[in-house]
Structure formats: structure tokens, C-alpha cells
């Protein structure tokens, strides 16, 4: 640990719960502190400070294993596209196909292309092979790299072909969506630019077309459910809501309105979590800290906004528990991402920040239960009112935002999975080759 602890506030030894390892396959008894954190909560959320790392997916995997084995959780939800998540659900329950293809196609925004994610997927499949009550997997995000409604729209059109074979949706809807499709996160800037170049009547035609599909899906619910069953109908409904939200988002992004884009996404994420809770008693939810915290958060260039965690806290109260994360040094997803420069050095945390407090409190990975802190530790945590997410800092009250924290002293760049990369679109393989060729 390189933080100068002599100039940093520290937690008391009583507040520190050391973690022996982040290895998911290791014994899980060092996670027993989770019992008092989660209680009987229906949603237990585990955050991450940045994407594409090694340690945060490992931590999430360990928490999932613990909650499954110790508390009987059978539903895992993640910051992944709703439609794409169905591919994961099918595969972990014995479906066909190579794991590399599932990692490439079943996860959005490149989040499936890393070895720790593969290991979790393989464990889920092996667990479900003999489990009396197999784990269900749900993506709660919008898909389409959070810029294009095409994957969600295609799922809806596929459903309508089964539920209403005589109905012919206007092909213009898909034609317009296709003009700004993105096959990976690397295509986001081009997709936003292509949408911005559309004539206003084309943008409006897409919006009106999606509204028309929603009107038909709602009006024919009884007929459709009778033909396809309620589960398929509801999944199509959620997919359509994702497509509509993405239409709102890309319109806003093309206008430089990041606030509307973010608010729309977060509200739809919350609605999808609510949909999952309609069929599952308890779920573990993995996502970025910025989504999960109970207090409004900001991304650079926006005011503080209502995120997923704020919605869930409002809806669920004490049934929503959040485990946030902090980090010390290492490598983190950087600003050169779209140029193939995936990671940059993560400096020591800013003095006075929550990350600096945690880094000064213990040498290795550890947890602290914010609900059982003594008064002195509570005041120390409350004073650390900035948390690092990626490379920027958010102001917050940690005691309101989270129920517990896990500190990772060193964050390392993720290891790509060769089979997942081989199954990915050409521009993904090219960008990863560029990164790896530069010594990444």
C-alpha cells in the first residue's frame, strides 16, 4: 500500500473485515459479514468502481456464490442488455453453443469478453446442472451498446411474427433503426453521428413507429398471451420499452443532452428490476457504483441525477441493500477507449476521499459494514464525502449511499478471453489487437 497513512484518516481495526482473497473458488467463510448486512433484503446489490477490471468481477462472483449457497438466492441480475441476457440464461441452463459465442453475443458493451466473466458463467452452468432450483439470469440494461434500439426491436418483431402472424409492422421502423446500428461499443460515436444526420421526419417516424408497436402490443395483450403465454409476452413488452428508451436516449445524445439520456436509462433499469422482482423473491444485482448508490450521482458534464439505486431505495426501502466498492491504485478504463487505449494508470486516491480513507485503513482487500460502525468511525466515513468512480470523483454521503463497502487495493486490467474475442465483430478484434499490440 503506497498511501501515506500518517496523513490520512483511518477506520478503527474493529471496523475492518479482512478478505483473504478475491478468488471465487476459494472458501467463502470470510464473507460471513454479509449476513448482517443483507438481512432479509430482496435486492442485494454489489457495485464496481470501473468496468473491464479483473478484481471487481471476481468479487461479484464470490458474492453471488455466497448468496446462493448461504442464503438460497436463485436469481442473478447484471448491468447487461435485457434481450442479450436471455442468451446467458439459456446457456447456463444447459443450452447449446460455445461459451465464447455466449460471452460475445450475450453481454453488451464488451463486458463479456474477459476471463473472470467466463469463469462465473461456467460456474453458473455447472451449478445449474445438478441444482434442484437452478439460478436464473437476467440482464436489466437496454442493450444495443446503449445507443441503438435495433436488437430490442428485432426481439419485438420476432415476437409479433409468432403472436400475430397476420400483422405486418411498417418496415420503415427497422430500416431507420438500421441506419444508426452499432455492432459494439466502439460504434457508439458513429451511431450517434448517423442518428444526428437523419432528417427530422425520419427521427419522428421511428419514434411514432415504436409508439405504434407499443399501442398494438398493449391492445392485443389478451390475444397475444393466449397464443404465446404470459412469459413471452412480458419479455417482448420489456424489450419494447428498452427500444423506446434507446430512441429517447439517442435523440438526446445527438443534441448533447446527457441528462435526459441518463435519466431515461436509469428509470428503465429500475422498471426492469421491478419486473424481475415480480417473479423472483430475492435477487443479487451487479452494476457500477454510480447506478447502485442510493443518492443522486453525476457524470462529468451533468448535474446530480436520479439513478437506479435511488429508484430502488424509494420503491423497496430496507429491502434494498447496497455494497459499494473503492479502489487504491492500478489500471482503470481510460479516456482513450475509442482509440484502442483501453486502460490508464490509476493514481493514489485523492486525499480526503472515501477511497483514500479505505486505502489507509488496511493493506489488503477488506470490507466494512457501515450499519454497525461506532460513532467515531461513522464520523470519519461521513467526512470522506467524495468517491472515485473510474477516474472522476462524485460527492456523496457514504452512510446514505451504501450499507457496506469493499476496498480493492490494486485494480488490474482484465484479461481478454480468446474464444470470446474470436466470436466478436471485426472492429472489436481489431481494437483488442491494437491494444494488445501496444503492450496492453
Protein backbone atom coordinates (compact mmCIF):
# COMPACT_ATOMS: atom_id res chain seq x y z
CA UNK A 1 0.00 0.00 0.00
CA UNK A 2 1.52 3.30 -1.07
CA UNK A 3 -0.91 5.70 0.59
CA UNK A 4 0.79 7.70 3.37
CA UNK A 5 -1.30 6.59 6.30
CA UNK A 6 0.29 9.12 8.62
CA UNK A 7 -1.57 11.92 6.81
CA UNK A 8 -4.82 10.03 6.22
CA UNK A 9 -7.79 9.36 8.44
CA UNK A 10 -8.29 5.66 9.15
CA UNK A 11 -11.02 3.33 10.25
CA UNK A 12 -10.58 1.54 13.55
CA UNK A 13 -9.39 -2.05 13.49
CA UNK A 14 -12.84 -3.12 14.70
CA UNK A 15 -14.41 -1.74 11.51
CA UNK A 16 -12.12 -3.71 9.18
CA UNK A 17 -13.25 -7.15 7.95
CA UNK A 18 -10.24 -8.57 6.05
CA UNK A 19 -10.86 -10.67 2.94
CA UNK A 20 -8.35 -13.46 2.43
CA UNK A 21 -8.77 -13.49 -1.33
CA UNK A 22 -10.92 -12.43 -4.26
CA UNK A 23 -10.63 -15.88 -5.85
CA UNK A 24 -14.22 -17.12 -6.39
CA UNK A 25 -13.17 -20.75 -5.98
CA UNK A 26 -11.65 -20.21 -2.53
CA UNK A 27 -13.56 -20.91 0.70
CA UNK A 28 -16.23 -18.28 1.29
CA UNK A 29 -16.24 -18.07 5.08
CA UNK A 30 -14.54 -14.65 5.01
CA UNK A 31 -17.81 -13.30 3.58
CA UNK A 32 -19.82 -14.15 6.69
CA UNK A 33 -20.05 -10.42 7.45
CA UNK A 34 -22.56 -10.26 4.60
CA UNK A 35 -25.16 -11.98 6.77
CA UNK A 36 -25.70 -8.96 8.99
CA UNK A 37 -25.51 -6.56 6.04
CA UNK A 38 -28.21 -8.12 3.88
CA UNK A 39 -30.73 -9.27 6.48
CA UNK A 40 -33.94 -10.24 4.69
CA UNK A 41 -33.48 -7.77 1.82
CA UNK A 42 -34.98 -8.72 -1.53
CA UNK A 43 -32.29 -6.97 -3.58
CA UNK A 44 -28.60 -7.20 -2.65
CA UNK A 45 -26.52 -5.02 -4.96
CA UNK A 46 -22.76 -5.34 -5.41
CA UNK A 47 -21.01 -2.47 -7.13
CA UNK A 48 -17.82 -1.91 -9.04
CA UNK A 49 -15.72 1.22 -9.37
CA UNK A 50 -14.87 0.65 -13.05
CA UNK A 51 -15.58 -1.78 -15.86
CA UNK A 52 -13.28 -4.34 -17.53
CA UNK A 53 -11.12 -4.97 -14.47
CA UNK A 54 -10.10 -8.33 -13.02
CA UNK A 55 -10.91 -7.80 -9.37
CA UNK A 56 -14.45 -6.40 -9.42
CA UNK A 57 -15.94 -9.29 -11.46
CA UNK A 58 -14.11 -11.69 -9.15
CA UNK A 59 -15.67 -10.00 -6.13
CA UNK A 60 -19.12 -10.10 -7.70
CA UNK A 61 -18.67 -13.80 -8.49
CA UNK A 62 -17.70 -14.54 -4.88
CA UNK A 63 -20.71 -12.65 -3.55
CA UNK A 64 -23.04 -14.50 -5.93
CA UNK A 65 -21.65 -17.85 -4.80
CA UNK A 66 -22.04 -16.91 -1.16
CA UNK A 67 -25.61 -15.68 -1.52
CA UNK A 68 -26.58 -18.78 -3.48
CA UNK A 69 -25.01 -21.22 -1.01
CA UNK A 70 -25.70 -19.47 2.28
CA UNK A 71 -28.96 -17.64 1.62
CA UNK A 72 -30.61 -19.58 -1.19
CA UNK A 73 -30.59 -16.85 -3.83
CA UNK A 74 -31.54 -18.18 -7.25
CA UNK A 75 -31.68 -15.02 -9.38
CA UNK A 76 -28.68 -13.09 -10.65
CA UNK A 77 -29.14 -9.76 -12.42
CA UNK A 78 -26.46 -7.62 -14.01
CA UNK A 79 -25.80 -4.42 -15.94
CA UNK A 80 -26.34 -6.27 -19.21
CA UNK A 81 -28.84 -5.94 -22.03
CA UNK A 82 -32.24 -7.45 -21.28
CA UNK A 83 -32.52 -9.20 -24.64
CA UNK A 84 -28.90 -10.34 -24.58
CA UNK A 85 -29.34 -11.71 -21.08
CA UNK A 86 -31.73 -14.34 -22.41
CA UNK A 87 -28.81 -15.93 -24.28
CA UNK A 88 -26.93 -16.20 -20.99
CA UNK A 89 -29.97 -17.63 -19.23
CA UNK A 90 -30.42 -20.30 -21.89
CA UNK A 91 -26.75 -21.31 -21.84
CA UNK A 92 -26.31 -21.57 -18.07
CA UNK A 93 -29.33 -23.87 -18.03
CA UNK A 94 -27.74 -26.34 -20.44
CA UNK A 95 -28.45 -24.67 -23.76
CA UNK A 96 -26.29 -25.36 -26.82
CA UNK A 97 -23.46 -23.26 -28.14
CA UNK A 98 -19.86 -22.44 -27.31
CA UNK A 99 -19.14 -20.31 -24.28
CA UNK A 100 -17.13 -17.87 -26.40
CA UNK A 101 -20.17 -17.07 -28.53
CA UNK A 102 -22.30 -16.55 -25.43
CA UNK A 103 -19.71 -14.19 -23.96
CA UNK A 104 -19.54 -12.21 -27.21
CA UNK A 105 -23.26 -12.12 -28.02
CA UNK A 106 -24.87 -12.47 -24.60
CA UNK A 107 -23.23 -9.45 -22.99
CA UNK A 108 -23.33 -5.81 -24.01
CA UNK A 109 -20.66 -3.14 -24.19
CA UNK A 110 -17.80 -5.68 -24.28
CA UNK A 111 -18.43 -6.73 -20.67
CA UNK A 112 -18.43 -10.43 -21.55
CA UNK A 113 -15.02 -10.52 -23.21
CA UNK A 114 -12.99 -11.07 -20.05
CA UNK A 115 -11.78 -14.21 -18.30
CA UNK A 116 -13.42 -13.53 -14.91
CA UNK A 117 -16.83 -13.27 -16.60
CA UNK A 118 -16.26 -16.57 -18.37
CA UNK A 119 -15.39 -18.26 -15.08
CA UNK A 120 -18.60 -17.01 -13.49
CA UNK A 121 -20.66 -18.19 -16.47
CA UNK A 122 -19.08 -21.64 -16.38
CA UNK A 123 -19.72 -21.89 -12.64
CA UNK A 124 -23.38 -20.94 -13.12
CA UNK A 125 -23.81 -23.63 -15.78
CA UNK A 126 -22.09 -26.27 -13.66
CA UNK A 127 -24.13 -25.29 -10.59
CA UNK A 128 -27.38 -25.48 -12.53
CA UNK A 129 -26.52 -28.90 -13.92
CA UNK A 130 -27.41 -30.53 -10.59
CA UNK A 131 -29.28 -27.79 -8.70
CA UNK A 132 -32.82 -28.54 -7.55
CA UNK A 133 -33.64 -24.86 -8.09
CA UNK A 134 -31.37 -23.54 -10.86
CA UNK A 135 -30.13 -19.96 -10.88
CA UNK A 136 -31.94 -17.64 -13.26
CA UNK A 137 -30.03 -14.88 -15.04
CA UNK A 138 -31.47 -11.52 -16.12
CA UNK A 139 -29.96 -8.58 -17.92
CA UNK A 140 -31.53 -5.34 -16.73
CA UNK A 141 -29.97 -2.85 -19.15
CA UNK A 142 -31.07 -1.64 -22.58
CA UNK A 143 -28.65 -3.47 -24.86
CA UNK A 144 -27.52 -2.19 -28.23
CA UNK A 145 -24.44 -0.63 -26.60
CA UNK A 146 -26.94 1.78 -25.02
CA UNK A 147 -27.26 3.63 -28.32
CA UNK A 148 -29.23 1.58 -30.85
CA UNK A 149 -32.72 0.09 -30.41
CA UNK A 150 -32.15 -2.50 -33.15
CA UNK A 151 -31.51 -5.63 -31.01
CA UNK A 152 -34.52 -4.91 -28.80
CA UNK A 153 -36.65 -4.02 -31.82
CA UNK A 154 -35.69 -7.27 -33.55
CA UNK A 155 -36.77 -9.22 -30.45
CA UNK A 156 -40.15 -7.46 -30.55
CA UNK A 157 -40.60 -8.07 -34.27
CA UNK A 158 -39.72 -11.72 -33.77
CA UNK A 159 -42.33 -11.99 -31.05
CA UNK A 160 -45.00 -10.32 -33.18
CA UNK A 161 -44.30 -12.78 -36.00
CA UNK A 162 -45.30 -15.55 -33.60
CA UNK A 163 -48.08 -13.80 -31.69
CA UNK A 164 -49.70 -12.02 -34.64
CA UNK A 165 -48.60 -13.74 -37.87
CA UNK A 166 -51.06 -11.78 -39.99
CA UNK A 167 -49.74 -8.42 -38.81
CA UNK A 168 -47.12 -6.64 -40.90
CA UNK A 169 -45.26 -3.93 -38.98
CA UNK A 170 -44.14 -1.00 -41.10
CA UNK A 171 -40.69 -1.98 -42.43
CA UNK A 172 -39.62 1.67 -42.25
CA UNK A 173 -39.27 1.33 -38.47
CA UNK A 174 -36.47 -1.20 -38.76
CA UNK A 175 -34.95 0.48 -41.80
CA UNK A 176 -34.47 3.70 -39.84
CA UNK A 177 -33.11 1.87 -36.79
CA UNK A 178 -30.64 0.08 -39.05
CA UNK A 179 -29.16 3.37 -40.26
CA UNK A 180 -27.53 4.01 -36.88
CA UNK A 181 -26.94 0.46 -35.67
CA UNK A 182 -23.79 -0.24 -33.65
CA UNK A 183 -22.40 -3.76 -33.52
CA UNK A 184 -20.24 -2.94 -30.48
CA UNK A 185 -19.41 -0.16 -28.04
CA UNK A 186 -16.74 1.05 -30.46
CA UNK A 187 -19.53 2.10 -32.82
CA UNK A 188 -21.23 4.48 -30.37
CA UNK A 189 -19.77 7.76 -31.72
CA UNK A 190 -20.59 6.81 -35.31
CA UNK A 191 -24.09 5.71 -34.33
CA UNK A 192 -24.85 8.99 -32.56
CA UNK A 193 -23.47 10.88 -35.55
CA UNK A 194 -25.55 8.84 -38.00
CA UNK A 195 -28.69 9.44 -35.97
CA UNK A 196 -27.95 13.16 -35.78
CA UNK A 197 -27.65 13.27 -39.58
CA UNK A 198 -31.15 11.84 -40.09
CA UNK A 199 -33.84 14.21 -41.32
CA UNK A 200 -36.31 15.21 -38.59
CA UNK A 201 -39.15 13.37 -40.29
CA UNK A 202 -37.13 10.13 -40.22
CA UNK A 203 -36.40 10.53 -36.50
CA UNK A 204 -40.07 11.23 -35.85
CA UNK A 205 -41.12 8.26 -37.97
CA UNK A 206 -39.03 5.95 -35.79
CA UNK A 207 -40.49 7.41 -32.60
CA UNK A 208 -44.03 7.15 -33.95
CA UNK A 209 -43.43 3.63 -35.23
CA UNK A 210 -42.22 2.42 -31.83
CA UNK A 211 -45.23 4.07 -30.18
CA UNK A 212 -47.49 2.25 -32.63
CA UNK A 213 -45.91 -1.10 -31.76
CA UNK A 214 -46.45 -0.40 -28.07
CA UNK A 215 -50.08 0.51 -28.68
CA UNK A 216 -50.68 -2.73 -30.57
CA UNK A 217 -48.84 -4.85 -28.01
CA UNK A 218 -50.96 -3.34 -25.24
CA UNK A 219 -54.26 -3.52 -27.08
CA UNK A 220 -53.83 -7.16 -28.10
CA UNK A 221 -52.43 -8.41 -24.79
CA UNK A 222 -55.19 -10.95 -24.15
CA UNK A 223 -54.91 -12.44 -27.65
CA UNK A 224 -51.14 -12.49 -27.58
CA UNK A 225 -50.89 -14.10 -24.14
CA UNK A 226 -53.36 -16.78 -25.23
CA UNK A 227 -51.16 -17.60 -28.22
CA UNK A 228 -47.65 -17.31 -26.73
CA UNK A 229 -48.03 -17.42 -22.94
CA UNK A 230 -47.54 -14.63 -20.42
CA UNK A 231 -43.76 -15.02 -20.09
CA UNK A 232 -43.03 -14.46 -23.78
CA UNK A 233 -45.46 -11.56 -23.90
CA UNK A 234 -43.90 -9.84 -20.92
CA UNK A 235 -40.40 -10.27 -22.29
CA UNK A 236 -41.47 -8.68 -25.57
CA UNK A 237 -43.03 -5.84 -23.61
CA UNK A 238 -39.79 -5.22 -21.69
CA UNK A 239 -37.78 -5.37 -24.92
CA UNK A 240 -40.05 -2.77 -26.50
CA UNK A 241 -39.69 -0.48 -23.51
CA UNK A 242 -35.91 -0.79 -23.90
CA UNK A 243 -36.18 0.12 -27.60
CA UNK A 244 -38.33 3.15 -26.81
CA UNK A 245 -35.91 4.32 -24.12
CA UNK A 246 -33.00 3.96 -26.53
CA UNK A 247 -34.87 6.09 -29.06
CA UNK A 248 -35.23 8.77 -26.38
CA UNK A 249 -31.58 8.42 -25.41
CA UNK A 250 -30.03 8.65 -28.85
CA UNK A 251 -32.20 11.66 -29.70
CA UNK A 252 -30.98 13.33 -26.51
CA UNK A 253 -27.33 12.38 -27.05
CA UNK A 254 -27.39 13.76 -30.58
CA UNK A 255 -28.50 17.07 -29.04
CA UNK A 256 -25.82 16.93 -26.34
CA UNK A 257 -28.43 16.35 -23.64
CA UNK A 258 -26.70 13.76 -21.45
CA UNK A 259 -29.04 14.45 -18.55
CA UNK A 260 -32.17 13.27 -20.37
CA UNK A 261 -30.31 10.28 -21.79
CA UNK A 262 -29.07 9.19 -18.37
CA UNK A 263 -32.34 9.80 -16.52
CA UNK A 264 -34.27 7.79 -19.10
CA UNK A 265 -31.89 4.86 -18.89
CA UNK A 266 -31.89 4.75 -15.08
CA UNK A 267 -35.69 4.80 -14.84
CA UNK A 268 -35.99 1.92 -17.31
CA UNK A 269 -33.35 -0.07 -15.42
CA UNK A 270 -35.45 0.32 -12.28
CA UNK A 271 -38.59 -0.79 -14.08
CA UNK A 272 -36.80 -3.91 -15.32
CA UNK A 273 -35.56 -4.76 -11.83
CA UNK A 274 -39.17 -4.37 -10.63
CA UNK A 275 -40.25 -6.76 -13.39
CA UNK A 276 -37.69 -9.33 -12.20
CA UNK A 277 -38.92 -8.93 -8.61
CA UNK A 278 -42.38 -9.81 -9.85
CA UNK A 279 -41.14 -13.35 -10.47
CA UNK A 280 -38.25 -13.76 -8.01
CA UNK A 281 -38.23 -13.49 -4.21
CA UNK A 282 -34.65 -12.26 -3.88
CA UNK A 283 -32.04 -11.15 -6.38
CA UNK A 284 -28.37 -10.24 -6.43
CA UNK A 285 -27.70 -7.23 -8.65
CA UNK A 286 -24.30 -6.41 -10.14
CA UNK A 287 -23.62 -2.98 -11.65
CA UNK A 288 -21.43 0.09 -11.43
CA UNK A 289 -21.45 2.01 -8.15
CA UNK A 290 -22.86 5.02 -9.96
CA UNK A 291 -26.01 3.08 -10.82
CA UNK A 292 -26.45 1.45 -7.43
CA UNK A 293 -25.83 4.21 -4.88
CA UNK A 294 -28.88 5.45 -3.00
CA UNK A 295 -28.11 9.10 -3.64
CA UNK A 296 -28.12 11.08 -6.90
CA UNK A 297 -24.82 10.92 -8.75
CA UNK A 298 -23.23 12.88 -11.56
CA UNK A 299 -21.16 12.02 -14.58
CA UNK A 300 -18.80 14.69 -15.93
CA UNK A 301 -20.83 17.43 -17.59
CA UNK A 302 -24.14 16.74 -15.83
CA UNK A 303 -25.80 17.76 -12.57
CA UNK A 304 -26.53 15.07 -9.93
CA UNK A 305 -29.21 12.74 -11.29
CA UNK A 306 -31.63 10.14 -10.00
CA UNK A 307 -30.09 6.74 -10.65
CA UNK A 308 -31.24 3.14 -10.45
CA UNK A 309 -30.33 2.88 -6.77
CA UNK A 310 -32.34 5.97 -5.86
CA UNK A 311 -35.38 4.46 -7.61
CA UNK A 312 -34.91 1.11 -5.87
CA UNK A 313 -34.43 2.69 -2.46
CA UNK A 314 -37.65 4.65 -2.99
CA UNK A 315 -39.57 1.55 -4.04
CA UNK A 316 -38.07 -1.01 -1.68
CA UNK A 317 -36.81 0.82 1.39
CA UNK A 318 -34.94 -1.60 3.66
CA UNK A 319 -35.44 -4.39 1.12
CA UNK A 320 -32.65 -2.78 -0.94
CA UNK A 321 -29.08 -3.23 0.35
CA UNK A 322 -26.03 -1.86 -1.43
CA UNK A 323 -22.39 -2.91 -1.21
CA UNK A 324 -20.21 -0.25 -2.80
CA UNK A 325 -16.56 -0.56 -3.78
CA UNK A 326 -13.45 1.59 -3.54
CA UNK A 327 -10.01 1.19 -5.05
CA UNK A 328 -6.39 2.10 -4.44
CA UNK A 329 -4.05 2.12 -7.42
CA UNK A 330 -3.54 0.07 -10.57
CA UNK A 331 -5.10 0.33 -14.03
CA UNK A 332 -8.56 1.55 -14.92
CA UNK A 333 -10.69 2.04 -18.03
CA UNK A 334 -9.42 5.27 -19.56
CA UNK A 335 -10.39 8.13 -21.84
CA UNK A 336 -8.56 6.60 -24.82
CA UNK A 337 -11.03 3.71 -25.06
CA UNK A 338 -12.36 4.56 -28.53
CA UNK A 339 -8.80 4.79 -29.84
CA UNK A 340 -7.96 1.31 -28.57
CA UNK A 341 -6.11 2.58 -25.49
CA UNK A 342 -8.26 0.74 -23.01
CA UNK A 343 -6.61 1.40 -19.67
CA UNK A 344 -4.68 4.13 -17.93
CA UNK A 345 -2.76 4.26 -14.68
CA UNK A 346 -4.91 4.78 -11.61
CA UNK A 347 -3.12 7.16 -9.23
CA UNK A 348 -3.37 7.10 -5.47
CA UNK A 349 -6.80 8.28 -4.34
CA UNK A 350 -7.36 11.94 -3.69
CA UNK A 351 -6.69 12.88 -0.04
CA UNK A 352 -9.88 13.16 1.96
CA UNK A 353 -11.83 10.90 -0.40
CA UNK A 354 -13.62 7.71 0.57
CA UNK A 355 -11.12 5.71 -1.48
CA UNK A 356 -8.21 7.31 0.39
CA UNK A 357 -9.82 6.55 3.73
CA UNK A 358 -10.29 2.91 2.81
CA UNK A 359 -6.77 2.62 1.35
CA UNK A 360 -5.29 3.98 4.59
CA UNK A 361 -7.25 1.58 6.78
CA UNK A 362 -5.86 -1.81 5.72
CA UNK A 363 -3.20 -3.24 3.42
CA UNK A 364 -5.27 -5.91 1.68
CA UNK A 365 -8.82 -6.26 0.40
CA UNK A 366 -11.37 -5.78 3.14
CA UNK A 367 -14.99 -4.94 3.89
CA UNK A 368 -16.66 -2.66 6.37
CA UNK A 369 -20.27 -2.78 7.50
CA UNK A 370 -21.43 0.83 7.56
CA UNK A 371 -24.50 -0.03 9.62
CA UNK A 372 -22.55 -1.32 12.63
CA UNK A 373 -19.79 1.30 12.84
CA UNK A 374 -19.05 3.01 16.11
CA UNK A 375 -19.72 6.73 16.31
CA UNK A 376 -16.08 7.75 15.72
CA UNK A 377 -15.86 5.58 12.59
CA UNK A 378 -19.21 6.91 11.37
CA UNK A 379 -17.95 10.47 11.60
CA UNK A 380 -14.74 9.50 9.82
CA UNK A 381 -16.68 7.92 6.96
CA UNK A 382 -19.13 10.80 6.73
CA UNK A 383 -16.25 13.25 6.36
CA UNK A 384 -14.92 11.31 3.35
CA UNK A 385 -17.58 12.74 1.08
CA UNK A 386 -16.05 12.05 -2.34
CA UNK A 387 -15.89 8.66 -4.03
CA UNK A 388 -13.87 7.77 -7.09
CA UNK A 389 -15.71 6.13 -9.97
CA UNK A 390 -13.28 5.31 -12.73
CA UNK A 391 -11.09 8.40 -12.93
CA UNK A 392 -13.51 11.04 -11.63
CA UNK A 393 -14.96 11.81 -8.20
CA UNK A 394 -18.56 12.15 -7.02
CA UNK A 395 -19.70 13.92 -3.90
CA UNK A 396 -21.90 11.81 -1.63
CA UNK A 397 -22.60 10.79 1.94
CA UNK A 398 -21.31 7.19 2.07
CA UNK A 399 -23.51 6.38 5.06
CA UNK A 400 -26.60 7.17 2.99
CA UNK A 401 -25.34 5.78 -0.31
CA UNK A 402 -24.25 2.33 0.89
CA UNK A 403 -24.78 -0.32 3.55
CA UNK A 404 -21.26 -1.74 3.24
CA UNK A 405 -18.04 -1.13 1.35
CA UNK A 406 -15.39 -3.42 -0.08
CA UNK A 407 -11.95 -1.99 -0.80
CA UNK A 408 -9.71 -3.38 -3.55
CA UNK A 409 -6.16 -2.07 -3.00
CA UNK A 410 -4.89 -2.77 -6.52
CA UNK A 411 -7.08 -2.92 -9.62
CA UNK A 412 -5.68 -4.62 -12.71
CA UNK A 413 -6.70 -4.61 -16.36
CA UNK A 414 -8.90 -7.52 -17.30
CA UNK A 415 -7.55 -10.50 -19.22
CA UNK A 416 -9.40 -10.94 -22.54
CA UNK A 417 -10.91 -14.32 -23.30
CA UNK A 418 -9.55 -15.63 -26.60
CA UNK A 419 -12.71 -17.55 -27.55
CA UNK A 420 -14.94 -14.59 -26.80
CA UNK A 421 -12.76 -12.32 -28.92
CA UNK A 422 -12.79 -14.81 -31.79
CA UNK A 423 -16.60 -14.71 -31.77
CA UNK A 424 -16.74 -10.90 -31.68
CA UNK A 425 -17.31 -8.47 -34.59
CA UNK A 426 -14.27 -7.48 -36.67
CA UNK A 427 -13.91 -3.99 -35.18
CA UNK A 428 -13.74 -5.50 -31.69
CA UNK A 429 -10.99 -7.92 -32.70
CA UNK A 430 -9.10 -5.09 -34.40
CA UNK A 431 -9.27 -2.79 -31.38
CA UNK A 432 -8.22 -5.53 -28.97
CA UNK A 433 -5.33 -6.46 -31.27
CA UNK A 434 -4.26 -2.81 -31.30
CA UNK A 435 -4.40 -2.65 -27.51
CA UNK A 436 -2.56 -5.93 -27.03
CA UNK A 437 0.00 -4.98 -29.67
CA UNK A 438 0.80 -1.83 -27.73
CA UNK A 439 1.66 -3.89 -24.66
CA UNK A 440 -1.81 -3.94 -23.09
